[in-house]
Amino acid sequence: MAFGCQMEFGLPNTYKHNNMKTTALIEKGKDGTFTIFTSELESTIIGEGNTVDEAKKSFLKSIDEIIDFYKEDGLKLPEELKNVSFDFKYDIRLLFLL
């Protein structure tokens, strides 16, 4: 699947799939791993990794897997996933608390 991405350091900072924009929050856990999620969508999209880059790759893979699931099962893709783009933003508060 080809999606336009704004690139920085080899990984997308913005994931674009049509027009709707939502925030994907990057959080650092107490164990030092990173999680990316968006609370603005009803669909659950999560990425995890030992680094931010790994978490972004996992997050983007989750999106592709969700879209593929709908297509393979002949189901209608939810509107929120048809017109979505993500801005990756750090939850700065958590970076300093840990």
Protein backbone atom coordinates (compact mmCIF):
# COMPACT_ATOMS: atom_id res chain seq x y z
CA MET A 1 0.00 0.00 0.00
CA ALA A 2 1.42 3.37 -0.96
CA PHE A 3 0.73 6.30 1.32
CA GLY A 4 2.37 9.71 1.16
CA CYS A 5 4.58 10.38 4.14
CA GLN A 6 6.57 13.40 5.23
CA MET A 7 9.99 11.99 6.05
CA GLU A 8 12.51 12.93 8.72
CA PHE A 9 15.33 10.65 9.81
CA GLY A 10 14.00 7.97 7.47
CA LEU A 11 10.66 7.55 9.23
CA PRO A 12 7.40 9.40 8.70
CA ASN A 13 6.45 12.23 11.03
CA THR A 14 3.15 12.55 9.27
CA TYR A 15 1.25 9.57 7.90
CA LYS A 16 -1.19 10.75 5.24
CA HIS A 17 -4.13 8.75 3.98
CA ASN A 18 -6.44 11.31 2.39
CA ASN A 19 -7.66 14.31 4.43
CA MET A 20 -8.54 13.74 8.11
CA LYS A 21 -5.72 14.63 10.53
CA THR A 22 -5.38 13.23 14.03
CA THR A 23 -2.62 13.16 16.63
CA ALA A 24 -0.64 10.03 17.40
CA LEU A 25 0.88 10.41 20.86
CA ILE A 26 4.31 8.97 21.63
CA GLU A 27 4.75 7.98 25.25
CA LYS A 28 7.77 6.59 27.04
CA GLY A 29 7.03 3.85 29.57
CA LYS A 30 8.71 3.27 32.90
CA ASP A 31 10.57 0.35 31.33
CA GLY A 32 12.06 2.69 28.70
CA THR A 33 9.99 1.40 25.78
CA PHE A 34 7.80 3.61 23.62
CA THR A 35 4.11 3.35 22.79
CA ILE A 36 2.23 5.27 20.11
CA PHE A 37 -1.55 5.53 20.08
CA THR A 38 -4.37 7.83 19.09
CA SER A 39 -7.34 8.41 21.33
CA GLU A 40 -9.18 10.46 18.71
CA LEU A 41 -10.29 7.42 16.67
CA GLU A 42 -12.67 4.63 17.57
CA SER A 43 -10.36 2.12 15.87
CA THR A 44 -7.56 0.90 18.12
CA ILE A 45 -4.19 1.62 16.55
CA ILE A 46 -1.13 1.02 18.71
CA GLY A 47 2.58 0.79 18.04
CA GLU A 48 5.25 -0.35 20.48
CA GLY A 49 9.01 -0.56 20.39
CA ASN A 50 12.29 -0.17 22.21
CA THR A 51 12.89 3.06 20.28
CA VAL A 52 10.63 5.74 18.82
CA ASP A 53 11.53 4.50 15.32
CA GLU A 54 10.48 0.94 16.20
CA ALA A 55 7.23 2.22 17.71
CA LYS A 56 6.47 4.28 14.57
CA LYS A 57 7.12 1.27 12.34
CA SER A 58 4.85 -0.84 14.54
CA PHE A 59 2.14 1.85 14.49
CA LEU A 60 2.22 2.16 10.70
CA LYS A 61 2.19 -1.63 10.34
CA SER A 62 -0.91 -1.74 12.57
CA ILE A 63 -2.70 0.69 10.28
CA ASP A 64 -1.82 -1.36 7.20
CA GLU A 65 -2.95 -4.58 8.93
CA ILE A 66 -6.31 -3.04 9.89
CA ILE A 67 -6.92 -1.80 6.35
CA ASP A 68 -5.88 -5.18 4.91
CA PHE A 69 -8.23 -6.99 7.31
CA TYR A 70 -11.21 -4.98 6.10
CA LYS A 71 -10.29 -5.49 2.45
CA GLU A 72 -9.62 -9.23 2.78
CA ASP A 73 -12.91 -9.83 4.60
CA GLY A 74 -14.86 -7.68 2.14
CA LEU A 75 -15.91 -5.30 4.89
CA LYS A 76 -16.47 -1.58 4.51
CA LEU A 77 -13.53 0.41 5.82
CA PRO A 78 -14.64 2.83 8.57
CA GLU A 79 -14.80 6.43 7.37
CA GLU A 80 -12.28 7.50 10.01
CA LEU A 81 -9.66 5.27 8.40
CA LYS A 82 -10.45 6.33 4.85
CA ASN A 83 -9.51 9.94 5.41
CA VAL A 84 -6.84 9.94 8.06
CA SER A 85 -3.37 11.35 8.55
CA PHE A 86 -1.32 11.28 11.70
CA ASP A 87 0.94 13.86 13.28
CA PHE A 88 3.33 12.13 15.66
CA LYS A 89 3.76 14.16 18.84
CA TYR A 90 5.61 13.40 22.04
CA ASP A 91 3.85 13.44 25.37
CA ILE A 92 6.59 15.67 26.80
CA ARG A 93 5.22 15.49 30.32
CA LEU A 94 5.89 11.76 30.53
CA LEU A 95 9.41 12.05 29.11
CA PHE A 96 10.40 14.17 32.11
CA LEU A 97 8.55 12.17 34.75
CA LEU A 98 10.32 8.89 34.04
